[in-house]
Amino acid sequence: MPPAQRSVQCKTCEVGMLKLEKQYRLSTPVVVIGYILLIPSVLGILFCLLMLLLTAVGGGAAVSQAGDEAAGPLRRAGVPEAVVQKTIASKPLSPREMAALTPAQRKAVMDARAGVVGTKVGAGGLAIIAGGVLIFFAIVSFVFGLLGWLLVMKKKVLRCMNCLAVVPAS
């Protein structure tokens, strides 16, 4: 027979047989505190991961929207489409492309570039700050989850079916 299925006689009462069971290592109030720490920490980690994903997607959407908003005034100013696309992508213009623009078009290009770059910097800064805060809270949640898990761990014991005596299984 495998060791888990062998019956061992109780040394306390000399009548009952010992049965393998699992029981909490700590007292009931401590186990309750463990679950109070464990459950919210798992939810906190999931929330932080979801918010990190949404922050990344939102930052990309803000940059894309800034490019779309910058393209309108450039097109109304009569800026060539190749220059509009380079400006939206924050690519440098060649001296020949700049020389071909009128002063009003140059001003429109500079304003659009400033708007696009400002939005990229703002969205990037916000993503870094929000990401840092979310990672911090995810780590804190993880630590509290580990603490809760340690408090709710179980151990294997042998319990007498007659006198209910408990003997460590290991």
N, C-alpha and C. Protein backbone atom coordinates (compact mmCIF):
# COMPACT_ATOMS: atom_id res chain seq x y z
N MET A 1 0.83 -1.20 0.00
CA MET A 1 0.00 0.00 0.00
C MET A 1 0.87 1.25 0.00
N PRO A 2 0.40 2.33 -0.68
CA PRO A 2 1.15 3.58 -0.62
C PRO A 2 1.13 4.12 0.80
N PRO A 3 2.14 4.94 1.18
CA PRO A 3 2.23 5.44 2.55
C PRO A 3 1.01 6.25 2.98
N ALA A 4 0.34 6.95 2.07
CA ALA A 4 -0.81 7.78 2.45
C ALA A 4 -2.02 6.93 2.81
N GLN A 5 -2.07 5.68 2.32
CA GLN A 5 -3.24 4.85 2.57
C GLN A 5 -3.04 3.87 3.73
N ARG A 6 -1.83 3.73 4.23
CA ARG A 6 -1.59 2.83 5.34
C ARG A 6 -2.24 3.36 6.61
N SER A 7 -2.84 2.49 7.37
CA SER A 7 -3.45 2.88 8.63
C SER A 7 -2.43 2.75 9.73
N VAL A 8 -2.38 3.79 10.57
CA VAL A 8 -1.46 3.79 11.70
C VAL A 8 -2.31 3.91 12.96
N GLN A 9 -2.00 3.11 13.95
CA GLN A 9 -2.77 3.13 15.18
C GLN A 9 -2.32 4.32 16.04
N CYS A 10 -3.29 4.93 16.71
CA CYS A 10 -3.05 6.09 17.58
C CYS A 10 -2.30 5.64 18.82
N LYS A 11 -1.22 6.35 19.15
CA LYS A 11 -0.43 6.03 20.34
C LYS A 11 -1.05 6.65 21.60
N THR A 12 -2.00 7.59 21.43
CA THR A 12 -2.61 8.26 22.57
C THR A 12 -3.70 7.38 23.19
N CYS A 13 -4.63 6.93 22.35
CA CYS A 13 -5.74 6.14 22.90
C CYS A 13 -5.58 4.64 22.67
N GLU A 14 -4.64 4.24 21.82
CA GLU A 14 -4.36 2.84 21.51
C GLU A 14 -5.53 2.13 20.85
N VAL A 15 -6.59 2.88 20.46
CA VAL A 15 -7.76 2.25 19.86
C VAL A 15 -7.98 2.76 18.43
N GLY A 16 -7.97 4.07 18.26
CA GLY A 16 -8.30 4.69 16.98
C GLY A 16 -7.18 4.59 15.95
N MET A 17 -7.55 4.89 14.71
CA MET A 17 -6.61 4.89 13.60
C MET A 17 -6.37 6.35 13.18
N LEU A 18 -5.16 6.63 12.75
CA LEU A 18 -4.80 7.99 12.33
C LEU A 18 -5.14 8.18 10.85
N LYS A 19 -5.71 9.34 10.55
CA LYS A 19 -6.11 9.66 9.18
C LYS A 19 -5.38 10.93 8.76
N LEU A 20 -4.85 10.95 7.51
CA LEU A 20 -4.13 12.10 6.99
C LEU A 20 -5.11 13.22 6.65
N GLU A 21 -4.88 14.42 7.19
CA GLU A 21 -5.74 15.59 6.92
C GLU A 21 -4.86 16.80 6.73
N LYS A 22 -5.47 17.86 6.21
CA LYS A 22 -4.80 19.16 6.13
C LYS A 22 -5.53 20.12 7.05
N GLN A 23 -4.77 20.94 7.76
CA GLN A 23 -5.38 21.95 8.62
C GLN A 23 -4.53 23.21 8.55
N TYR A 24 -5.17 24.34 8.88
CA TYR A 24 -4.44 25.61 8.86
C TYR A 24 -3.32 25.58 9.88
N ARG A 25 -2.21 26.22 9.54
CA ARG A 25 -1.06 26.27 10.44
C ARG A 25 -1.30 27.20 11.62
N LEU A 26 -2.11 28.25 11.42
CA LEU A 26 -2.31 29.27 12.44
C LEU A 26 -3.76 29.29 12.89
N SER A 27 -4.05 30.11 13.89
CA SER A 27 -5.39 30.17 14.47
C SER A 27 -6.39 30.79 13.49
N THR A 28 -7.66 30.60 13.76
CA THR A 28 -8.73 31.08 12.88
C THR A 28 -8.69 32.59 12.66
N PRO A 29 -8.51 33.43 13.70
CA PRO A 29 -8.45 34.88 13.43
C PRO A 29 -7.29 35.27 12.51
N VAL A 30 -6.17 34.58 12.65
CA VAL A 30 -5.02 34.88 11.78
C VAL A 30 -5.31 34.45 10.35
N VAL A 31 -5.98 33.32 10.18
CA VAL A 31 -6.34 32.85 8.84
C VAL A 31 -7.33 33.83 8.20
N VAL A 32 -8.27 34.34 8.97
CA VAL A 32 -9.22 35.33 8.44
C VAL A 32 -8.46 36.58 7.99
N ILE A 33 -7.51 37.03 8.78
CA ILE A 33 -6.69 38.18 8.39
C ILE A 33 -5.91 37.86 7.11
N GLY A 34 -5.43 36.63 6.99
CA GLY A 34 -4.72 36.22 5.79
C GLY A 34 -5.59 36.33 4.55
N TYR A 35 -6.85 35.86 4.65
CA TYR A 35 -7.75 35.98 3.50
C TYR A 35 -8.11 37.44 3.23
N ILE A 36 -8.22 38.24 4.29
CA ILE A 36 -8.50 39.67 4.10
C ILE A 36 -7.34 40.34 3.36
N LEU A 37 -6.13 39.88 3.55
CA LEU A 37 -4.98 40.41 2.82
C LEU A 37 -4.87 39.81 1.42
N LEU A 38 -5.15 38.53 1.31
CA LEU A 38 -4.91 37.81 0.06
C LEU A 38 -5.87 38.19 -1.05
N ILE A 39 -7.15 38.21 -0.76
CA ILE A 39 -8.14 38.44 -1.81
C ILE A 39 -8.03 39.83 -2.42
N PRO A 40 -7.99 40.92 -1.63
CA PRO A 40 -7.84 42.24 -2.25
C PRO A 40 -6.51 42.41 -2.97
N SER A 41 -5.47 41.74 -2.51
CA SER A 41 -4.18 41.90 -3.18
C SER A 41 -4.21 41.30 -4.58
N VAL A 42 -4.88 40.18 -4.76
CA VAL A 42 -5.01 39.60 -6.09
C VAL A 42 -5.80 40.54 -6.99
N LEU A 43 -6.89 41.08 -6.46
CA LEU A 43 -7.68 42.03 -7.23
C LEU A 43 -6.88 43.30 -7.53
N GLY A 44 -6.05 43.73 -6.58
CA GLY A 44 -5.22 44.92 -6.78
C GLY A 44 -4.20 44.71 -7.89
N ILE A 45 -3.59 43.55 -7.93
CA ILE A 45 -2.62 43.25 -8.99
C ILE A 45 -3.31 43.25 -10.35
N LEU A 46 -4.47 42.61 -10.44
CA LEU A 46 -5.21 42.59 -11.70
C LEU A 46 -5.62 44.00 -12.13
N PHE A 47 -6.07 44.81 -11.18
CA PHE A 47 -6.46 46.19 -11.48
C PHE A 47 -5.25 46.99 -11.99
N CYS A 48 -4.11 46.84 -11.35
CA CYS A 48 -2.91 47.58 -11.77
C CYS A 48 -2.48 47.17 -13.17
N LEU A 49 -2.52 45.88 -13.47
CA LEU A 49 -2.15 45.42 -14.81
C LEU A 49 -3.12 45.96 -15.86
N LEU A 50 -4.40 45.95 -15.56
CA LEU A 50 -5.39 46.49 -16.49
C LEU A 50 -5.17 47.99 -16.72
N MET A 51 -4.91 48.72 -15.65
CA MET A 51 -4.68 50.17 -15.78
C MET A 51 -3.39 50.46 -16.54
N LEU A 52 -2.35 49.64 -16.37
CA LEU A 52 -1.13 49.82 -17.15
C LEU A 52 -1.41 49.65 -18.64
N LEU A 53 -2.20 48.65 -18.97
CA LEU A 53 -2.57 48.42 -20.36
C LEU A 53 -3.36 49.60 -20.91
N LEU A 54 -4.34 50.07 -20.14
CA LEU A 54 -5.15 51.20 -20.59
C LEU A 54 -4.33 52.49 -20.70
N THR A 55 -3.36 52.67 -19.83
CA THR A 55 -2.49 53.85 -19.91
C THR A 55 -1.67 53.82 -21.19
N ALA A 56 -1.15 52.67 -21.54
CA ALA A 56 -0.36 52.56 -22.77
C ALA A 56 -1.22 52.81 -24.00
N VAL A 57 -2.42 52.24 -24.01
CA VAL A 57 -3.32 52.43 -25.15
C VAL A 57 -3.78 53.89 -25.23
N GLY A 58 -4.10 54.49 -24.08
CA GLY A 58 -4.55 55.88 -24.06
C GLY A 58 -3.47 56.84 -24.50
N GLY A 59 -2.23 56.59 -24.12
CA GLY A 59 -1.13 57.45 -24.55
C GLY A 59 -0.94 57.41 -26.05
N GLY A 60 -1.03 56.23 -26.63
CA GLY A 60 -0.91 56.09 -28.08
C GLY A 60 -2.06 56.79 -28.80
N ALA A 61 -3.25 56.69 -28.23
CA ALA A 61 -4.42 57.35 -28.83
C ALA A 61 -4.29 58.87 -28.77
N ALA A 62 -3.73 59.38 -27.66
CA ALA A 62 -3.56 60.83 -27.52
C ALA A 62 -2.57 61.35 -28.56
N VAL A 63 -1.49 60.62 -28.79
CA VAL A 63 -0.50 61.04 -29.78
C VAL A 63 -1.10 60.99 -31.17
N SER A 64 -1.86 59.96 -31.46
CA SER A 64 -2.51 59.85 -32.77
C SER A 64 -3.51 60.98 -32.99
N GLN A 65 -4.28 61.29 -31.95
CA GLN A 65 -5.26 62.37 -32.06
C GLN A 65 -4.57 63.72 -32.23
N ALA A 66 -3.44 63.92 -31.58
CA ALA A 66 -2.70 65.18 -31.71
C ALA A 66 -2.23 65.35 -33.15
N GLY A 67 -1.79 64.26 -33.77
CA GLY A 67 -1.37 64.33 -35.17
C GLY A 67 -2.52 64.67 -36.08
N ASP A 68 -3.68 64.09 -35.84
CA ASP A 68 -4.86 64.38 -36.65
C ASP A 68 -5.29 65.84 -36.48
N GLU A 69 -5.23 66.34 -35.25
CA GLU A 69 -5.62 67.74 -34.99
C GLU A 69 -4.62 68.71 -35.60
N ALA A 70 -3.36 68.33 -35.66
CA ALA A 70 -2.35 69.22 -36.23
C ALA A 70 -2.42 69.25 -37.74
N ALA A 71 -2.93 68.19 -38.36
CA ALA A 71 -2.99 68.13 -39.82
C ALA A 71 -4.00 69.12 -40.40
N GLY A 72 -5.09 69.37 -39.69
CA GLY A 72 -6.12 70.28 -40.22
C GLY A 72 -5.61 71.68 -40.51
N PRO A 73 -4.99 72.38 -39.54
CA PRO A 73 -4.48 73.72 -39.83
C PRO A 73 -3.38 73.73 -40.90
N LEU A 74 -2.60 72.66 -40.96
CA LEU A 74 -1.56 72.61 -41.99
C LEU A 74 -2.18 72.52 -43.38
N ARG A 75 -3.18 71.70 -43.52
CA ARG A 75 -3.84 71.57 -44.83
C ARG A 75 -4.58 72.86 -45.20
N ARG A 76 -5.18 73.52 -44.21
CA ARG A 76 -5.87 74.80 -44.49
C ARG A 76 -4.88 75.88 -44.91
N ALA A 77 -3.63 75.78 -44.41
CA ALA A 77 -2.61 76.77 -44.78
C ALA A 77 -1.99 76.44 -46.13
N GLY A 78 -2.38 75.33 -46.76
CA GLY A 78 -1.86 74.97 -48.08
C GLY A 78 -0.49 74.31 -48.04
N VAL A 79 -0.13 73.71 -46.92
CA VAL A 79 1.15 73.02 -46.80
C VAL A 79 1.08 71.72 -47.61
N PRO A 80 2.13 71.41 -48.39
CA PRO A 80 2.11 70.17 -49.17
C PRO A 80 1.94 68.94 -48.27
N GLU A 81 1.29 67.92 -48.79
CA GLU A 81 0.95 66.72 -48.01
C GLU A 81 2.20 66.01 -47.49
N ALA A 82 3.28 65.98 -48.24
CA ALA A 82 4.52 65.34 -47.78
C ALA A 82 5.05 66.04 -46.52
N VAL A 83 4.96 67.36 -46.49
CA VAL A 83 5.41 68.13 -45.33
C VAL A 83 4.46 67.91 -44.16
N VAL A 84 3.16 67.82 -44.44
CA VAL A 84 2.17 67.56 -43.39
C VAL A 84 2.48 66.22 -42.72
N GLN A 85 2.74 65.18 -43.51
CA GLN A 85 3.01 63.86 -42.96
C GLN A 85 4.31 63.84 -42.14
N LYS A 86 5.34 64.53 -42.62
CA LYS A 86 6.60 64.60 -41.86
C LYS A 86 6.40 65.36 -40.55
N THR A 87 5.61 66.43 -40.60
CA THR A 87 5.38 67.23 -39.39
C THR A 87 4.61 66.43 -38.35
N ILE A 88 3.60 65.72 -38.79
CA ILE A 88 2.80 64.89 -37.87
C ILE A 88 3.67 63.79 -37.25
N ALA A 89 4.59 63.23 -38.04
CA ALA A 89 5.46 62.16 -37.56
C ALA A 89 6.67 62.70 -36.80
N SER A 90 6.77 64.01 -36.65
CA SER A 90 7.89 64.68 -35.96
C SER A 90 9.23 64.41 -36.63
N LYS A 91 9.21 64.27 -37.94
CA LYS A 91 10.44 64.08 -38.70
C LYS A 91 10.95 65.45 -39.15
N PRO A 92 12.26 65.61 -39.22
CA PRO A 92 12.79 66.92 -39.64
C PRO A 92 12.54 67.17 -41.12
N LEU A 93 12.33 68.45 -41.44
CA LEU A 93 12.16 68.85 -42.83
C LEU A 93 13.51 69.25 -43.39
N SER A 94 13.70 68.96 -44.67
CA SER A 94 14.95 69.35 -45.32
C SER A 94 14.94 70.87 -45.56
N PRO A 95 16.12 71.47 -45.72
CA PRO A 95 16.17 72.91 -46.01
C PRO A 95 15.40 73.27 -47.27
N ARG A 96 15.40 72.39 -48.25
CA ARG A 96 14.68 72.65 -49.51
C ARG A 96 13.17 72.71 -49.23
N GLU A 97 12.67 71.77 -48.39
CA GLU A 97 11.23 71.77 -48.07
C GLU A 97 10.86 73.02 -47.29
N MET A 98 11.70 73.44 -46.36
CA MET A 98 11.42 74.66 -45.58
C MET A 98 11.45 75.90 -46.48
N ALA A 99 12.39 75.94 -47.43
CA ALA A 99 12.50 77.11 -48.32
C ALA A 99 11.30 77.22 -49.24
N ALA A 100 10.68 76.09 -49.57
CA ALA A 100 9.54 76.11 -50.48
C ALA A 100 8.26 76.61 -49.80
N LEU A 101 8.26 76.73 -48.46
CA LEU A 101 7.06 77.16 -47.73
C LEU A 101 7.01 78.67 -47.62
N THR A 102 5.80 79.21 -47.60
CA THR A 102 5.60 80.64 -47.36
C THR A 102 5.78 80.89 -45.86
N PRO A 103 5.96 82.16 -45.46
CA PRO A 103 6.09 82.45 -44.03
C PRO A 103 4.87 81.97 -43.21
N ALA A 104 3.67 82.09 -43.75
CA ALA A 104 2.47 81.62 -43.04
C ALA A 104 2.49 80.09 -42.90
N GLN A 105 2.94 79.42 -43.95
CA GLN A 105 3.03 77.96 -43.90
C GLN A 105 4.10 77.51 -42.91
N ARG A 106 5.25 78.22 -42.88
CA ARG A 106 6.30 77.89 -41.92
C ARG A 106 5.79 78.02 -40.50
N LYS A 107 5.04 79.11 -40.25
CA LYS A 107 4.48 79.32 -38.91
C LYS A 107 3.51 78.19 -38.56
N ALA A 108 2.68 77.79 -39.52
CA ALA A 108 1.73 76.70 -39.29
C ALA A 108 2.48 75.39 -39.00
N VAL A 109 3.58 75.14 -39.73
CA VAL A 109 4.38 73.93 -39.51
C VAL A 109 5.00 73.96 -38.12
N MET A 110 5.57 75.09 -37.73
CA MET A 110 6.20 75.20 -36.41
C MET A 110 5.17 75.03 -35.28
N ASP A 111 3.99 75.65 -35.45
CA ASP A 111 2.93 75.51 -34.44
C ASP A 111 2.46 74.05 -34.33
N ALA A 112 2.28 73.41 -35.49
CA ALA A 112 1.82 72.01 -35.50
C ALA A 112 2.88 71.11 -34.87
N ARG A 113 4.16 71.35 -35.21
CA ARG A 113 5.23 70.54 -34.65
C ARG A 113 5.28 70.70 -33.13
N ALA A 114 5.13 71.94 -32.66
CA ALA A 114 5.15 72.19 -31.21
C ALA A 114 3.98 71.47 -30.54
N GLY A 115 2.81 71.48 -31.16
CA GLY A 115 1.66 70.79 -30.58
C GLY A 115 1.85 69.29 -30.52
N VAL A 116 2.37 68.71 -31.61
CA VAL A 116 2.58 67.27 -31.66
C VAL A 116 3.65 66.85 -30.65
N VAL A 117 4.77 67.58 -30.62
CA VAL A 117 5.84 67.24 -29.69
C VAL A 117 5.38 67.43 -28.25
N GLY A 118 4.64 68.51 -27.99
CA GLY A 118 4.14 68.73 -26.64
C GLY A 118 3.20 67.62 -26.19
N THR A 119 2.36 67.17 -27.09
CA THR A 119 1.44 66.08 -26.75
C THR A 119 2.22 64.79 -26.49
N LYS A 120 3.23 64.52 -27.32
CA LYS A 120 4.03 63.31 -27.12
C LYS A 120 4.76 63.35 -25.78
N VAL A 121 5.33 64.51 -25.46
CA VAL A 121 6.05 64.64 -24.20
C VAL A 121 5.09 64.52 -23.02
N GLY A 122 3.92 65.19 -23.13
CA GLY A 122 2.93 65.13 -22.06
C GLY A 122 2.39 63.73 -21.86
N ALA A 123 2.07 63.06 -22.98
CA ALA A 123 1.54 61.69 -22.87
C ALA A 123 2.61 60.75 -22.34
N GLY A 124 3.85 60.94 -22.78
CA GLY A 124 4.94 60.10 -22.28
C GLY A 124 5.20 60.32 -20.81
N GLY A 125 5.20 61.57 -20.39
CA GLY A 125 5.41 61.88 -18.97
C GLY A 125 4.30 61.32 -18.10
N LEU A 126 3.06 61.49 -18.58
CA LEU A 126 1.92 60.94 -17.84
C LEU A 126 2.00 59.42 -17.76
N ALA A 127 2.40 58.79 -18.87
CA ALA A 127 2.51 57.32 -18.87
C ALA A 127 3.60 56.86 -17.91
N ILE A 128 4.70 57.61 -17.84
CA ILE A 128 5.78 57.22 -16.93
C ILE A 128 5.33 57.38 -15.48
N ILE A 129 4.70 58.49 -15.16
CA ILE A 129 4.24 58.72 -13.78
C ILE A 129 3.17 57.70 -13.39
N ALA A 130 2.17 57.57 -14.26
CA ALA A 130 1.08 56.62 -13.96
C ALA A 130 1.62 55.19 -13.90
N GLY A 131 2.50 54.85 -14.82
CA GLY A 131 3.08 53.51 -14.82
C GLY A 131 3.88 53.24 -13.56
N GLY A 132 4.65 54.23 -13.11
CA GLY A 132 5.42 54.06 -11.89
C GLY A 132 4.53 53.86 -10.68
N VAL A 133 3.48 54.68 -10.59
CA VAL A 133 2.55 54.55 -9.46
C VAL A 133 1.85 53.19 -9.51
N LEU A 134 1.42 52.78 -10.69
CA LEU A 134 0.72 51.49 -10.82
C LEU A 134 1.65 50.31 -10.52
N ILE A 135 2.89 50.39 -10.94
CA ILE A 135 3.84 49.33 -10.64
C ILE A 135 4.10 49.27 -9.14
N PHE A 136 4.23 50.44 -8.51
CA PHE A 136 4.42 50.47 -7.05
C PHE A 136 3.25 49.78 -6.35
N PHE A 137 2.01 50.13 -6.74
CA PHE A 137 0.85 49.52 -6.09
C PHE A 137 0.75 48.03 -6.41
N ALA A 138 1.17 47.62 -7.60
CA ALA A 138 1.17 46.19 -7.93
C ALA A 138 2.16 45.44 -7.04
N ILE A 139 3.33 46.04 -6.81
CA ILE A 139 4.33 45.39 -5.95
C ILE A 139 3.83 45.32 -4.51
N VAL A 140 3.22 46.41 -4.04
CA VAL A 140 2.66 46.41 -2.67
C VAL A 140 1.57 45.34 -2.55
N SER A 141 0.72 45.26 -3.56
CA SER A 141 -0.33 44.23 -3.54
C SER A 141 0.27 42.84 -3.55
N PHE A 142 1.33 42.65 -4.31
CA PHE A 142 1.99 41.35 -4.36
C PHE A 142 2.57 40.97 -3.00
N VAL A 143 3.21 41.93 -2.34
CA VAL A 143 3.80 41.66 -1.03
C VAL A 143 2.70 41.30 -0.01
N PHE A 144 1.60 42.07 -0.02
CA PHE A 144 0.50 41.75 0.89
C PHE A 144 -0.12 40.40 0.53
N GLY A 145 -0.15 40.07 -0.75
CA GLY A 145 -0.65 38.76 -1.17
C GLY A 145 0.23 37.63 -0.65
N LEU A 146 1.54 37.83 -0.70
CA LEU A 146 2.44 36.82 -0.15
C LEU A 146 2.24 36.66 1.35
N LEU A 147 2.10 37.79 2.04
CA LEU A 147 1.85 37.73 3.48
C LEU A 147 0.54 37.00 3.78
N GLY A 148 -0.51 37.33 3.04
CA GLY A 148 -1.79 36.64 3.22
C GLY A 148 -1.68 35.16 2.93
N TRP A 149 -0.94 34.81 1.87
CA TRP A 149 -0.78 33.40 1.52
C TRP A 149 -0.04 32.65 2.63
N LEU A 150 0.97 33.29 3.21
CA LEU A 150 1.68 32.64 4.33
C LEU A 150 0.76 32.42 5.52
N LEU A 151 -0.18 33.34 5.74
CA LEU A 151 -1.08 33.20 6.89
C LEU A 151 -2.16 32.14 6.68
N VAL A 152 -2.48 31.81 5.42
CA VAL A 152 -3.55 30.83 5.17
C VAL A 152 -3.00 29.47 4.74
N MET A 153 -1.70 29.27 4.81
CA MET A 153 -1.13 27.98 4.42
C MET A 153 -1.64 26.86 5.33
N LYS A 154 -1.69 25.67 4.75
CA LYS A 154 -2.12 24.50 5.52
C LYS A 154 -0.95 23.55 5.70
N LYS A 155 -1.08 22.66 6.68
CA LYS A 155 -0.07 21.64 6.91
C LYS A 155 -0.76 20.28 6.98
N LYS A 156 0.01 19.24 6.72
CA LYS A 156 -0.52 17.88 6.80
C LYS A 156 -0.34 17.36 8.22
N VAL A 157 -1.42 16.75 8.74
CA VAL A 157 -1.38 16.16 10.08
C VAL A 157 -2.08 14.80 10.04
N LEU A 158 -1.80 14.03 11.06
CA LEU A 158 -2.51 12.76 11.25
C LEU A 158 -3.43 12.95 12.44
N ARG A 159 -4.73 12.71 12.23
CA ARG A 159 -5.73 12.90 13.28
C ARG A 159 -6.34 11.54 13.62
N CYS A 160 -6.44 11.29 14.91
CA CYS A 160 -7.05 10.05 15.38
C CYS A 160 -8.56 10.14 15.20
N MET A 161 -9.16 9.10 14.66
CA MET A 161 -10.60 9.08 14.41
C MET A 161 -11.37 8.83 15.71
N ASN A 162 -10.70 8.37 16.75
CA ASN A 162 -11.37 8.05 18.01
C ASN A 162 -11.24 9.20 19.01
N CYS A 163 -10.00 9.57 19.37
CA CYS A 163 -9.79 10.58 20.41
C CYS A 163 -9.49 11.97 19.85
N LEU A 164 -9.40 12.11 18.53
CA LEU A 164 -9.15 13.37 17.83
C LEU A 164 -7.77 13.96 18.15
N ALA A 165 -6.83 13.15 18.61
CA ALA A 165 -5.45 13.61 18.82
C ALA A 165 -4.83 13.94 17.47
N VAL A 166 -3.93 14.94 17.46
CA VAL A 166 -3.30 15.39 16.22
C VAL A 166 -1.79 15.17 16.33
N VAL A 167 -1.22 14.59 15.27
CA VAL A 167 0.22 14.32 15.20
C VAL A 167 0.72 14.91 13.87
N PRO A 168 1.85 15.63 13.87
CA PRO A 168 2.38 16.14 12.60
C PRO A 168 2.66 14.98 11.63
N ALA A 169 2.34 15.19 10.36
CA ALA A 169 2.51 14.11 9.38
C ALA A 169 3.94 14.01 8.89
N SER A 170 4.75 15.03 9.07
CA SER A 170 6.11 14.96 8.54
C SER A 170 7.14 14.76 9.62
